[in-house]
Amino acid sequence: FQNNAGKTEVIFHLEYINSGSKKLITNILITCNDYFNEGRD
């Protein structure tokens, strides 16, 4: 996100996820959300 300003599609296709992964994927989504709130597509 620091180096790309264009439209970004974030794709998740998970078959199974453990609790530790859920927290870290949530953190990644929060980061994406921060950039979205800065005006990123």
Full PDB file with SEQRES, HELIX, SHEET, SSBOND, CRYST1, ORIGX, SCALE, CONECT and MASTER records, all heavy atoms in Angstrom:
SEQRES   1 A   41  PHE GLN ASN ASN ALA GLY LYS THR GLU VAL ILE PHE HIS          
SEQRES   2 A   41  LEU GLU TYR ILE ASN SER GLY SER LYS LYS LEU ILE THR          
SEQRES   3 A   41  ASN ILE LEU ILE THR CYS ASN ASP TYR PHE ASN GLU GLY          
SEQRES   4 A   41  ARG ASP                                                      
HELIX    1 AA1 SER A   19  ASN A   37  1                                  19    
CRYST1    1.000    1.000    1.000  90.00  90.00  90.00 P 1           1          
ORIGX1      1.000000  0.000000  0.000000        0.00000                         
ORIGX2      0.000000  1.000000  0.000000        0.00000                         
ORIGX3      0.000000  0.000000  1.000000        0.00000                         
SCALE1      1.000000  0.000000  0.000000        0.00000                         
SCALE2      0.000000  1.000000  0.000000        0.00000                         
SCALE3      0.000000  0.000000  1.000000        0.00000                         
ATOM      1  N   PHE A   1       0.817  -1.217   0.000  1.00  0.00           N  
ATOM      2  CA  PHE A   1       0.000   0.000   0.000  1.00  0.00           C  
ATOM      3  C   PHE A   1       0.851   1.267   0.000  1.00  0.00           C  
ATOM      4  O   PHE A   1       0.440   2.292  -0.530  1.00  0.00           O  
ATOM      5  CB  PHE A   1      -0.987   0.010   1.166  1.00  0.00           C  
ATOM      6  CG  PHE A   1      -2.210  -0.829   0.899  1.00  0.00           C  
ATOM      7  CD1 PHE A   1      -2.415  -2.007   1.577  1.00  0.00           C  
ATOM      8  CD2 PHE A   1      -3.146  -0.432  -0.044  1.00  0.00           C  
ATOM      9  CE1 PHE A   1      -3.541  -2.784   1.331  1.00  0.00           C  
ATOM     10  CE2 PHE A   1      -4.272  -1.204  -0.309  1.00  0.00           C  
ATOM     11  CZ  PHE A   1      -4.469  -2.383   0.386  1.00  0.00           C  
ATOM     12  N   GLN A   2       2.034   1.205   0.573  1.00  0.00           N  
ATOM     13  CA  GLN A   2       2.911   2.375   0.553  1.00  0.00           C  
ATOM     14  C   GLN A   2       3.465   2.630  -0.839  1.00  0.00           C  
ATOM     15  O   GLN A   2       3.836   3.757  -1.161  1.00  0.00           O  
ATOM     16  CB  GLN A   2       4.047   2.198   1.563  1.00  0.00           C  
ATOM     17  CG  GLN A   2       3.567   2.277   2.991  1.00  0.00           C  
ATOM     18  CD  GLN A   2       4.628   1.883   4.010  1.00  0.00           C  
ATOM     19  OE1 GLN A   2       5.746   1.532   3.665  1.00  0.00           O  
ATOM     20  NE2 GLN A   2       4.261   1.939   5.286  1.00  0.00           N  
ATOM     21  N   ASN A   3       3.496   1.603  -1.684  1.00  0.00           N  
ATOM     22  CA  ASN A   3       4.104   1.728  -3.000  1.00  0.00           C  
ATOM     23  C   ASN A   3       3.134   1.575  -4.171  1.00  0.00           C  
ATOM     24  O   ASN A   3       3.555   1.644  -5.319  1.00  0.00           O  
ATOM     25  CB  ASN A   3       5.233   0.700  -3.151  1.00  0.00           C  
ATOM     26  CG  ASN A   3       6.362   0.990  -2.189  1.00  0.00           C  
ATOM     27  OD1 ASN A   3       6.974   2.044  -2.240  1.00  0.00           O  
ATOM     28  ND2 ASN A   3       6.621   0.069  -1.276  1.00  0.00           N  
ATOM     29  N   ASN A   4       1.859   1.349  -3.895  1.00  0.00           N  
ATOM     30  CA  ASN A   4       0.860   1.173  -4.951  1.00  0.00           C  
ATOM     31  C   ASN A   4      -0.373   2.010  -4.636  1.00  0.00           C  
ATOM     32  O   ASN A   4      -0.961   1.858  -3.576  1.00  0.00           O  
ATOM     33  CB  ASN A   4       0.457  -0.301  -5.077  1.00  0.00           C  
ATOM     34  CG  ASN A   4       1.586  -1.169  -5.567  1.00  0.00           C  
ATOM     35  OD1 ASN A   4       1.852  -1.215  -6.754  1.00  0.00           O  
ATOM     36  ND2 ASN A   4       2.272  -1.837  -4.646  1.00  0.00           N  
ATOM     37  N   ALA A   5      -0.755   2.844  -5.568  1.00  0.00           N  
ATOM     38  CA  ALA A   5      -1.882   3.739  -5.329  1.00  0.00           C  
ATOM     39  C   ALA A   5      -3.147   3.310  -6.070  1.00  0.00           C  
ATOM     40  O   ALA A   5      -4.200   3.858  -5.838  1.00  0.00           O  
ATOM     41  CB  ALA A   5      -1.507   5.160  -5.746  1.00  0.00           C  
ATOM     42  N   GLY A   6      -3.046   2.331  -6.951  1.00  0.00           N  
ATOM     43  CA  GLY A   6      -4.195   1.942  -7.769  1.00  0.00           C  
ATOM     44  C   GLY A   6      -5.203   1.091  -7.024  1.00  0.00           C  
ATOM     45  O   GLY A   6      -5.074   0.816  -5.826  1.00  0.00           O  
ATOM     46  N   LYS A   7      -6.217   0.658  -7.757  1.00  0.00           N  
ATOM     47  CA  LYS A   7      -7.259  -0.198  -7.198  1.00  0.00           C  
ATOM     48  C   LYS A   7      -6.663  -1.530  -6.748  1.00  0.00           C  
ATOM     49  O   LYS A   7      -5.818  -2.107  -7.435  1.00  0.00           O  
ATOM     50  CB  LYS A   7      -8.344  -0.453  -8.239  1.00  0.00           C  
ATOM     51  CG  LYS A   7      -9.463  -1.308  -7.711  1.00  0.00           C  
ATOM     52  CD  LYS A   7     -10.602  -1.445  -8.686  1.00  0.00           C  
ATOM     53  CE  LYS A   7     -11.687  -2.287  -8.014  1.00  0.00           C  
ATOM     54  NZ  LYS A   7     -12.960  -2.160  -8.664  1.00  0.00           N  
ATOM     55  N   THR A   8      -7.129  -2.004  -5.601  1.00  0.00           N  
ATOM     56  CA  THR A   8      -6.625  -3.266  -5.052  1.00  0.00           C  
ATOM     57  C   THR A   8      -7.786  -4.179  -4.698  1.00  0.00           C  
ATOM     58  O   THR A   8      -8.701  -3.781  -3.972  1.00  0.00           O  
ATOM     59  CB  THR A   8      -5.769  -3.017  -3.792  1.00  0.00           C  
ATOM     60  OG1 THR A   8      -4.692  -2.144  -4.132  1.00  0.00           O  
ATOM     61  CG2 THR A   8      -5.224  -4.326  -3.243  1.00  0.00           C  
ATOM     62  N   GLU A   9      -7.730  -5.401  -5.207  1.00  0.00           N  
ATOM     63  CA  GLU A   9      -8.681  -6.437  -4.831  1.00  0.00           C  
ATOM     64  C   GLU A   9      -7.983  -7.335  -3.819  1.00  0.00           C  
ATOM     65  O   GLU A   9      -6.896  -7.850  -4.088  1.00  0.00           O  
ATOM     66  CB  GLU A   9      -9.108  -7.256  -6.048  1.00  0.00           C  
ATOM     67  CG  GLU A   9     -10.048  -8.388  -5.693  1.00  0.00           C  
ATOM     68  CD  GLU A   9     -10.383  -9.294  -6.877  1.00  0.00           C  
ATOM     69  OE1 GLU A   9      -9.626  -9.293  -7.871  1.00  0.00           O  
ATOM     70  OE2 GLU A   9     -11.378 -10.009  -6.775  1.00  0.00           O  
ATOM     71  N   VAL A  10      -8.592  -7.488  -2.648  1.00  0.00           N  
ATOM     72  CA  VAL A  10      -8.055  -8.366  -1.612  1.00  0.00           C  
ATOM     73  C   VAL A  10      -8.955  -9.597  -1.581  1.00  0.00           C  
ATOM     74  O   VAL A  10     -10.163  -9.486  -1.351  1.00  0.00           O  
ATOM     75  CB  VAL A  10      -8.010  -7.674  -0.237  1.00  0.00           C  
ATOM     76  CG1 VAL A  10      -7.412  -8.602   0.808  1.00  0.00           C  
ATOM     77  CG2 VAL A  10      -7.233  -6.360  -0.314  1.00  0.00           C  
ATOM     78  N   ILE A  11      -8.362 -10.750  -1.843  1.00  0.00           N  
ATOM     79  CA  ILE A  11      -9.118 -11.997  -1.963  1.00  0.00           C  
ATOM     80  C   ILE A  11      -8.719 -12.944  -0.839  1.00  0.00           C  
ATOM     81  O   ILE A  11      -7.534 -13.208  -0.631  1.00  0.00           O  
ATOM     82  CB  ILE A  11      -8.829 -12.684  -3.316  1.00  0.00           C  
ATOM     83  CG1 ILE A  11      -9.207 -11.760  -4.468  1.00  0.00           C  
ATOM     84  CG2 ILE A  11      -9.552 -14.027  -3.416  1.00  0.00           C  
ATOM     85  CD1 ILE A  11      -8.636 -12.197  -5.805  1.00  0.00           C  
ATOM     86  N   PHE A  12      -9.730 -13.435  -0.153  1.00  0.00           N  
ATOM     87  CA  PHE A  12      -9.533 -14.498   0.832  1.00  0.00           C  
ATOM     88  C   PHE A  12     -10.362 -15.686   0.378  1.00  0.00           C  
ATOM     89  O   PHE A  12     -11.541 -15.542   0.058  1.00  0.00           O  
ATOM     90  CB  PHE A  12     -10.004 -14.068   2.231  1.00  0.00           C  
ATOM     91  CG  PHE A  12      -9.134 -13.048   2.872  1.00  0.00           C  
ATOM     92  CD1 PHE A  12      -9.424 -11.697   2.758  1.00  0.00           C  
ATOM     93  CD2 PHE A  12      -8.020 -13.424   3.604  1.00  0.00           C  
ATOM     94  CE1 PHE A  12      -8.625 -10.748   3.358  1.00  0.00           C  
ATOM     95  CE2 PHE A  12      -7.211 -12.482   4.207  1.00  0.00           C  
ATOM     96  CZ  PHE A  12      -7.515 -11.136   4.081  1.00  0.00           C  
ATOM     97  N   HIS A  13      -9.733 -16.842   0.332  1.00  0.00           N  
ATOM     98  CA  HIS A  13     -10.453 -18.078   0.018  1.00  0.00           C  
ATOM     99  C   HIS A  13      -9.864 -19.154   0.924  1.00  0.00           C  
ATOM    100  O   HIS A  13      -8.964 -19.893   0.542  1.00  0.00           O  
ATOM    101  CB  HIS A  13     -10.298 -18.437  -1.455  1.00  0.00           C  
ATOM    102  CG  HIS A  13     -11.198 -19.557  -1.861  1.00  0.00           C  
ATOM    103  ND1 HIS A  13     -11.316 -19.971  -3.149  1.00  0.00           N  
ATOM    104  CD2 HIS A  13     -12.026 -20.352  -1.153  1.00  0.00           C  
ATOM    105  CE1 HIS A  13     -12.175 -20.968  -3.220  1.00  0.00           C  
ATOM    106  NE2 HIS A  13     -12.611 -21.214  -2.011  1.00  0.00           N  
ATOM    107  N   LEU A  14     -10.365 -19.173   2.146  1.00  0.00           N  
ATOM    108  CA  LEU A  14      -9.807 -20.057   3.169  1.00  0.00           C  
ATOM    109  C   LEU A  14     -10.672 -21.297   3.338  1.00  0.00           C  
ATOM    110  O   LEU A  14     -11.886 -21.203   3.461  1.00  0.00           O  
ATOM    111  CB  LEU A  14      -9.677 -19.293   4.484  1.00  0.00           C  
ATOM    112  CG  LEU A  14      -8.734 -18.094   4.409  1.00  0.00           C  
ATOM    113  CD1 LEU A  14      -8.882 -17.210   5.628  1.00  0.00           C  
ATOM    114  CD2 LEU A  14      -7.297 -18.559   4.256  1.00  0.00           C  
ATOM    115  N   GLU A  15     -10.018 -22.446   3.373  1.00  0.00           N  
ATOM    116  CA  GLU A  15     -10.705 -23.717   3.582  1.00  0.00           C  
ATOM    117  C   GLU A  15     -10.908 -23.976   5.068  1.00  0.00           C  
ATOM    118  O   GLU A  15     -11.915 -24.536   5.482  1.00  0.00           O  
ATOM    119  CB  GLU A  15      -9.888 -24.854   2.983  1.00  0.00           C  
ATOM    120  CG  GLU A  15      -9.707 -24.760   1.493  1.00  0.00           C  
ATOM    121  CD  GLU A  15      -8.669 -25.750   1.003  1.00  0.00           C  
ATOM    122  OE1 GLU A  15      -8.285 -26.681   1.749  1.00  0.00           O  
ATOM    123  OE2 GLU A  15      -8.228 -25.589  -0.142  1.00  0.00           O  
ATOM    124  N   TYR A  16      -9.902 -23.599   5.845  1.00  0.00           N  
ATOM    125  CA  TYR A  16      -9.951 -23.783   7.290  1.00  0.00           C  
ATOM    126  C   TYR A  16      -8.992 -22.779   7.900  1.00  0.00           C  
ATOM    127  O   TYR A  16      -7.973 -22.446   7.315  1.00  0.00           O  
ATOM    128  CB  TYR A  16      -9.541 -25.209   7.701  1.00  0.00           C  
ATOM    129  CG  TYR A  16      -9.678 -25.434   9.179  1.00  0.00           C  
ATOM    130  CD1 TYR A  16     -10.917 -25.689   9.749  1.00  0.00           C  
ATOM    131  CD2 TYR A  16      -8.568 -25.348  10.001  1.00  0.00           C  
ATOM    132  CE1 TYR A  16     -11.045 -25.851  11.118  1.00  0.00           C  
ATOM    133  CE2 TYR A  16      -8.690 -25.518  11.377  1.00  0.00           C  
ATOM    134  CZ  TYR A  16      -9.922 -25.767  11.923  1.00  0.00           C  
ATOM    135  OH  TYR A  16     -10.048 -25.921  13.273  1.00  0.00           O  
ATOM    136  N   ILE A  17      -9.326 -22.301   9.102  1.00  0.00           N  
ATOM    137  CA  ILE A  17      -8.479 -21.304   9.748  1.00  0.00           C  
ATOM    138  C   ILE A  17      -8.500 -21.535  11.253  1.00  0.00           C  
ATOM    139  O   ILE A  17      -9.562 -21.747  11.844  1.00  0.00           O  
ATOM    140  CB  ILE A  17      -8.951 -19.877   9.380  1.00  0.00           C  
ATOM    141  CG1 ILE A  17      -8.058 -18.816   9.997  1.00  0.00           C  
ATOM    142  CG2 ILE A  17     -10.397 -19.658   9.697  1.00  0.00           C  
ATOM    143  CD1 ILE A  17      -8.294 -17.426   9.451  1.00  0.00           C  
ATOM    144  N   ASN A  18      -7.320 -21.499  11.873  1.00  0.00           N  
ATOM    145  CA  ASN A  18      -7.266 -21.659  13.324  1.00  0.00           C  
ATOM    146  C   ASN A  18      -7.370 -20.291  14.010  1.00  0.00           C  
ATOM    147  O   ASN A  18      -7.335 -19.246  13.361  1.00  0.00           O  
ATOM    148  CB  ASN A  18      -6.017 -22.432  13.756  1.00  0.00           C  
ATOM    149  CG  ASN A  18      -4.711 -21.726  13.458  1.00  0.00           C  
ATOM    150  OD1 ASN A  18      -4.669 -20.546  13.115  1.00  0.00           O  
ATOM    151  ND2 ASN A  18      -3.614 -22.455  13.568  1.00  0.00           N  
ATOM    152  N   SER A  19      -7.492 -20.297  15.321  1.00  0.00           N  
ATOM    153  CA  SER A  19      -7.738 -19.045  16.052  1.00  0.00           C  
ATOM    154  C   SER A  19      -6.562 -18.082  15.955  1.00  0.00           C  
ATOM    155  O   SER A  19      -6.764 -16.868  15.862  1.00  0.00           O  
ATOM    156  CB  SER A  19      -8.076 -19.332  17.517  1.00  0.00           C  
ATOM    157  OG  SER A  19      -7.039 -20.069  18.126  1.00  0.00           O  
ATOM    158  N   GLY A  20      -5.331 -18.581  15.956  1.00  0.00           N  
ATOM    159  CA  GLY A  20      -4.175 -17.698  15.820  1.00  0.00           C  
ATOM    160  C   GLY A  20      -4.167 -16.990  14.475  1.00  0.00           C  
ATOM    161  O   GLY A  20      -3.858 -15.802  14.378  1.00  0.00           O  
ATOM    162  N   SER A  21      -4.540 -17.708  13.421  1.00  0.00           N  
ATOM    163  CA  SER A  21      -4.594 -17.115  12.094  1.00  0.00           C  
ATOM    164  C   SER A  21      -5.707 -16.073  11.993  1.00  0.00           C  
ATOM    165  O   SER A  21      -5.555 -15.053  11.325  1.00  0.00           O  
ATOM    166  CB  SER A  21      -4.821 -18.201  11.038  1.00  0.00           C  
ATOM    167  OG  SER A  21      -3.733 -19.089  10.976  1.00  0.00           O  
ATOM    168  N   LYS A  22      -6.835 -16.330  12.656  1.00  0.00           N  
ATOM    169  CA  LYS A  22      -7.952 -15.373  12.614  1.00  0.00           C  
ATOM    170  C   LYS A  22      -7.507 -14.000  13.102  1.00  0.00           C  
ATOM    171  O   LYS A  22      -7.820 -12.980  12.496  1.00  0.00           O  
ATOM    172  CB  LYS A  22      -9.127 -15.863  13.481  1.00  0.00           C  
ATOM    173  CG  LYS A  22      -9.905 -16.978  12.881  1.00  0.00           C  
ATOM    174  CD  LYS A  22     -11.019 -17.403  13.818  1.00  0.00           C  
ATOM    175  CE  LYS A  22     -11.649 -18.700  13.354  1.00  0.00           C  
ATOM    176  NZ  LYS A  22     -12.680 -19.182  14.274  1.00  0.00           N  
ATOM    177  N   LYS A  23      -6.800 -13.974  14.201  1.00  0.00           N  
ATOM    178  CA  LYS A  23      -6.348 -12.698  14.760  1.00  0.00           C  
ATOM    179  C   LYS A  23      -5.425 -11.968  13.793  1.00  0.00           C  
ATOM    180  O   LYS A  23      -5.550 -10.764  13.577  1.00  0.00           O  
ATOM    181  CB  LYS A  23      -5.650 -12.923  16.097  1.00  0.00           C  
ATOM    182  CG  LYS A  23      -5.101 -11.638  16.695  1.00  0.00           C  
ATOM    183  CD  LYS A  23      -4.631 -11.829  18.097  1.00  0.00           C  
ATOM    184  CE  LYS A  23      -4.039 -10.607  18.733  1.00  0.00           C  
ATOM    185  NZ  LYS A  23      -4.463  -9.326  18.312  1.00  0.00           N  
ATOM    186  N   LEU A  24      -4.505 -12.700  13.189  1.00  0.00           N  
ATOM    187  CA  LEU A  24      -3.541 -12.060  12.303  1.00  0.00           C  
ATOM    188  C   LEU A  24      -4.168 -11.637  10.978  1.00  0.00           C  
ATOM    189  O   LEU A  24      -3.811 -10.601  10.421  1.00  0.00           O  
ATOM    190  CB  LEU A  24      -2.342 -12.976  12.116  1.00  0.00           C  
ATOM    191  CG  LEU A  24      -1.595 -13.131  13.452  1.00  0.00           C  
ATOM    192  CD1 LEU A  24      -0.736 -14.366  13.471  1.00  0.00           C  
ATOM    193  CD2 LEU A  24      -0.779 -11.899  13.775  1.00  0.00           C  
ATOM    194  N   ILE A  25      -5.137 -12.397  10.490  1.00  0.00           N  
ATOM    195  CA  ILE A  25      -5.863 -11.974   9.290  1.00  0.00           C  
ATOM    196  C   ILE A  25      -6.699 -10.738   9.608  1.00  0.00           C  
ATOM    197  O   ILE A  25      -6.805  -9.828   8.786  1.00  0.00           O  
ATOM    198  CB  ILE A  25      -6.705 -13.137   8.729  1.00  0.00           C  
ATOM    199  CG1 ILE A  25      -5.752 -14.106   8.025  1.00  0.00           C  
ATOM    200  CG2 ILE A  25      -7.787 -12.641   7.788  1.00  0.00           C  
ATOM    201  CD1 ILE A  25      -6.370 -15.347   7.482  1.00  0.00           C  
ATOM    202  N   THR A  26      -7.256 -10.692  10.804  1.00  0.00           N  
ATOM    203  CA  THR A  26      -7.974  -9.487  11.229  1.00  0.00           C  
ATOM    204  C   THR A  26      -7.039  -8.281  11.203  1.00  0.00           C  
ATOM    205  O   THR A  26      -7.415  -7.200  10.724  1.00  0.00           O  
ATOM    206  CB  THR A  26      -8.576  -9.681  12.636  1.00  0.00           C  
ATOM    207  OG1 THR A  26      -9.475 -10.794  12.602  1.00  0.00           O  
ATOM    208  CG2 THR A  26      -9.312  -8.436  13.102  1.00  0.00           C  
ATOM    209  N   ASN A  27      -5.819  -8.446  11.688  1.00  0.00           N  
ATOM    210  CA  ASN A  27      -4.848  -7.347  11.663  1.00  0.00           C  
ATOM    211  C   ASN A  27      -4.556  -6.890  10.235  1.00  0.00           C  
ATOM    212  O   ASN A  27      -4.434  -5.692   9.969  1.00  0.00           O  
ATOM    213  CB  ASN A  27      -3.549  -7.759  12.356  1.00  0.00           C  
ATOM    214  CG  ASN A  27      -3.709  -7.950  13.843  1.00  0.00           C  
ATOM    215  OD1 ASN A  27      -4.683  -7.501  14.444  1.00  0.00           O  
ATOM    216  ND2 ASN A  27      -2.755  -8.625  14.458  1.00  0.00           N  
ATOM    217  N   ILE A  28      -4.430  -7.836   9.310  1.00  0.00           N  
ATOM    218  CA  ILE A  28      -4.193  -7.480   7.907  1.00  0.00           C  
ATOM    219  C   ILE A  28      -5.383  -6.693   7.361  1.00  0.00           C  
ATOM    220  O   ILE A  28      -5.214  -5.680   6.669  1.00  0.00           O  
ATOM    221  CB  ILE A  28      -3.906  -8.746   7.070  1.00  0.00           C  
ATOM    222  CG1 ILE A  28      -2.531  -9.318   7.449  1.00  0.00           C  
ATOM    223  CG2 ILE A  28      -3.996  -8.448   5.568  1.00  0.00           C  
ATOM    224  CD1 ILE A  28      -2.237 -10.694   6.887  1.00  0.00           C  
ATOM    225  N   LEU A  29      -6.590  -7.132   7.682  1.00  0.00           N  
ATOM    226  CA  LEU A  29      -7.779  -6.410   7.216  1.00  0.00           C  
ATOM    227  C   LEU A  29      -7.856  -5.007   7.810  1.00  0.00           C  
ATOM    228  O   LEU A  29      -8.253  -4.060   7.124  1.00  0.00           O  
ATOM    229  CB  LEU A  29      -9.053  -7.196   7.563  1.00  0.00           C  
ATOM    230  CG  LEU A  29      -9.358  -8.356   6.637  1.00  0.00           C  
ATOM    231  CD1 LEU A  29     -10.495  -9.191   7.203  1.00  0.00           C  
ATOM    232  CD2 LEU A  29      -9.695  -7.865   5.244  1.00  0.00           C  
ATOM    233  N   ILE A  30      -7.466  -4.857   9.061  1.00  0.00           N  
ATOM    234  CA  ILE A  30      -7.466  -3.526   9.683  1.00  0.00           C  
ATOM    235  C   ILE A  30      -6.467  -2.616   8.969  1.00  0.00           C  
ATOM    236  O   ILE A  30      -6.755  -1.439   8.728  1.00  0.00           O  
ATOM    237  CB  ILE A  30      -7.188  -3.638  11.195  1.00  0.00           C  
ATOM    238  CG1 ILE A  30      -8.406  -4.266  11.893  1.00  0.00           C  
ATOM    239  CG2 ILE A  30      -6.845  -2.276  11.803  1.00  0.00           C  
ATOM    240  CD1 ILE A  30      -8.166  -4.686  13.321  1.00  0.00           C  
ATOM    241  N   THR A  31      -5.319  -3.160   8.600  1.00  0.00           N  
ATOM    242  CA  THR A  31      -4.343  -2.379   7.834  1.00  0.00           C  
ATOM    243  C   THR A  31      -4.938  -1.964   6.483  1.00  0.00           C  
ATOM    244  O   THR A  31      -4.821  -0.799   6.079  1.00  0.00           O  
ATOM    245  CB  THR A  31      -3.048  -3.184   7.627  1.00  0.00           C  
ATOM    246  OG1 THR A  31      -2.439  -3.374   8.911  1.00  0.00           O  
ATOM    247  CG2 THR A  31      -2.076  -2.461   6.706  1.00  0.00           C  
ATOM    248  N   CYS A  32      -5.575  -2.892   5.787  1.00  0.00           N  
ATOM    249  CA  CYS A  32      -6.225  -2.552   4.513  1.00  0.00           C  
ATOM    250  C   CYS A  32      -7.273  -1.468   4.728  1.00  0.00           C  
ATOM    251  O   CYS A  32      -7.402  -0.537   3.923  1.00  0.00           O  
ATOM    252  CB  CYS A  32      -6.875  -3.790   3.900  1.00  0.00           C  
ATOM    253  SG  CYS A  32      -5.733  -5.064   3.340  1.00  0.00           S  
ATOM    254  N   ASN A  33      -8.022  -1.582   5.810  1.00  0.00           N  
ATOM    255  CA  ASN A  33      -9.062  -0.605   6.122  1.00  0.00           C  
ATOM    256  C   ASN A  33      -8.465   0.781   6.379  1.00  0.00           C  
ATOM    257  O   ASN A  33      -9.025   1.802   5.957  1.00  0.00           O  
ATOM    258  CB  ASN A  33      -9.865  -1.073   7.333  1.00  0.00           C  
ATOM    259  CG  ASN A  33     -11.160  -0.322   7.496  1.00  0.00           C  
ATOM    260  OD1 ASN A  33     -12.043  -0.432   6.659  1.00  0.00           O  
ATOM    261  ND2 ASN A  33     -11.276   0.433   8.564  1.00  0.00           N  
ATOM    262  N   ASP A  34      -7.320   0.826   7.053  1.00  0.00           N  
ATOM    263  CA  ASP A  34      -6.649   2.107   7.296  1.00  0.00           C  
ATOM    264  C   ASP A  34      -6.313   2.787   5.971  1.00  0.00           C  
ATOM    265  O   ASP A  34      -6.529   3.994   5.814  1.00  0.00           O  
ATOM    266  CB  ASP A  34      -5.375   1.909   8.123  1.00  0.00           C  
ATOM    267  CG  ASP A  34      -5.654   1.497   9.563  1.00  0.00           C  
ATOM    268  OD1 ASP A  34      -6.807   1.660  10.033  1.00  0.00           O  
ATOM    269  OD2 ASP A  34      -4.716   0.991  10.215  1.00  0.00           O  
ATOM    270  N   TYR A  35      -5.787   2.024   5.022  1.00  0.00           N  
ATOM    271  CA  TYR A  35      -5.454   2.605   3.719  1.00  0.00           C  
ATOM    272  C   TYR A  35      -6.721   2.987   2.946  1.00  0.00           C  
ATOM    273  O   TYR A  35      -6.745   4.004   2.256  1.00  0.00           O  
ATOM    274  CB  TYR A  35      -4.557   1.665   2.911  1.00  0.00           C  
ATOM    275  CG  TYR A  35      -3.142   1.683   3.424  1.00  0.00           C  
ATOM    276  CD1 TYR A  35      -2.655   0.667   4.238  1.00  0.00           C  
ATOM    277  CD2 TYR A  35      -2.298   2.745   3.123  1.00  0.00           C  
ATOM    278  CE1 TYR A  35      -1.356   0.708   4.727  1.00  0.00           C  
ATOM    279  CE2 TYR A  35      -0.994   2.787   3.607  1.00  0.00           C  
ATOM    280  CZ  TYR A  35      -0.536   1.761   4.410  1.00  0.00           C  
ATOM    281  OH  TYR A  35       0.745   1.809   4.898  1.00  0.00           O  
ATOM    282  N   PHE A  36      -7.770   2.191   3.070  1.00  0.00           N  
ATOM    283  CA  PHE A  36      -9.055   2.540   2.445  1.00  0.00           C  
ATOM    284  C   PHE A  36      -9.554   3.877   2.990  1.00  0.00           C  
ATOM    285  O   PHE A  36     -10.010   4.746   2.237  1.00  0.00           O  
ATOM    286  CB  PHE A  36     -10.081   1.426   2.714  1.00  0.00           C  
ATOM    287  CG  PHE A  36     -11.465   1.751   2.236  1.00  0.00           C  
ATOM    288  CD1 PHE A  36     -11.788   1.641   0.885  1.00  0.00           C  
ATOM    289  CD2 PHE A  36     -12.448   2.155   3.130  1.00  0.00           C  
ATOM    290  CE1 PHE A  36     -13.070   1.938   0.441  1.00  0.00           C  
ATOM    291  CE2 PHE A  36     -13.728   2.450   2.702  1.00  0.00           C  
ATOM    292  CZ  PHE A  36     -14.037   2.336   1.347  1.00  0.00           C  
ATOM    293  N   ASN A  37      -9.444   4.053   4.302  1.00  0.00           N  
ATOM    294  CA  ASN A  37      -9.895   5.301   4.930  1.00  0.00           C  
ATOM    295  C   ASN A  37      -9.037   6.496   4.537  1.00  0.00           C  
ATOM    296  O   ASN A  37      -9.464   7.639   4.678  1.00  0.00           O  
ATOM    297  CB  ASN A  37      -9.954   5.150   6.446  1.00  0.00           C  
ATOM    298  CG  ASN A  37     -11.120   4.283   6.883  1.00  0.00           C  
ATOM    299  OD1 ASN A  37     -12.135   4.200   6.203  1.00  0.00           O  
ATOM    300  ND2 ASN A  37     -10.971   3.618   8.014  1.00  0.00           N  
ATOM    301  N   GLU A  38      -7.831   6.235   4.027  1.00  0.00           N  
ATOM    302  CA  GLU A  38      -6.979   7.308   3.509  1.00  0.00           C  
ATOM    303  C   GLU A  38      -7.313   7.641   2.060  1.00  0.00           C  
ATOM    304  O   GLU A  38      -6.690   8.502   1.457  1.00  0.00           O  
ATOM    305  CB  GLU A  38      -5.501   6.914   3.597  1.00  0.00           C  
ATOM    306  CG  GLU A  38      -4.958   6.871   4.997  1.00  0.00           C  
ATOM    307  CD  GLU A  38      -3.493   6.450   5.038  1.00  0.00           C  
ATOM    308  OE1 GLU A  38      -2.869   6.259   3.968  1.00  0.00           O  
ATOM    309  OE2 GLU A  38      -2.975   6.301   6.156  1.00  0.00           O  
ATOM    310  N   GLY A  39      -8.289   6.913   1.497  1.00  0.00           N  
ATOM    311  CA  GLY A  39      -8.719   7.207   0.132  1.00  0.00           C  
ATOM    312  C   GLY A  39      -8.321   6.183  -0.907  1.00  0.00           C  
ATOM    313  O   GLY A  39      -8.572   6.376  -2.099  1.00  0.00           O  
ATOM    314  N   ARG A  40      -7.714   5.083  -0.491  1.00  0.00           N  
ATOM    315  CA  ARG A  40      -7.325   4.044  -1.448  1.00  0.00           C  
ATOM    316  C   ARG A  40      -8.556   3.295  -1.945  1.00  0.00           C  
ATOM    317  O   ARG A  40      -9.525   3.111  -1.214  1.00  0.00           O  
ATOM    318  CB  ARG A  40      -6.356   3.042  -0.823  1.00  0.00           C  
ATOM    319  CG  ARG A  40      -5.082   3.644  -0.317  1.00  0.00           C  
ATOM    320  CD  ARG A  40      -4.240   4.241  -1.456  1.00  0.00           C  
ATOM    321  NE  ARG A  40      -3.057   4.854  -0.944  1.00  0.00           N  
ATOM    322  CZ  ARG A  40      -1.887   4.241  -0.831  1.00  0.00           C  
ATOM    323  NH1 ARG A  40      -1.750   2.999  -1.196  1.00  0.00           N  
ATOM    324  NH2 ARG A  40      -0.852   4.888  -0.332  1.00  0.00           N  
ATOM    325  N   ASP A  41      -8.500   2.839  -3.174  1.00  0.00           N  
ATOM    326  CA  ASP A  41      -9.574   2.067  -3.793  1.00  0.00           C  
ATOM    327  C   ASP A  41      -9.327   0.590  -3.495  1.00  0.00           C  
ATOM    328  O   ASP A  41      -8.487  -0.042  -4.140  1.00  0.00           O  
ATOM    329  CB  ASP A  41      -9.588   2.343  -5.294  1.00  0.00           C  
ATOM    330  CG  ASP A  41     -10.794   1.737  -6.001  1.00  0.00           C  
ATOM    331  OD1 ASP A  41     -11.615   1.070  -5.341  1.00  0.00           O  
ATOM    332  OD2 ASP A  41     -10.897   1.929  -7.228  1.00  0.00           O  
TER     333      ASP A  41                                                      
MASTER        0    0    0    1    0    0    0    6  332    1    0    4          
END                                                                             
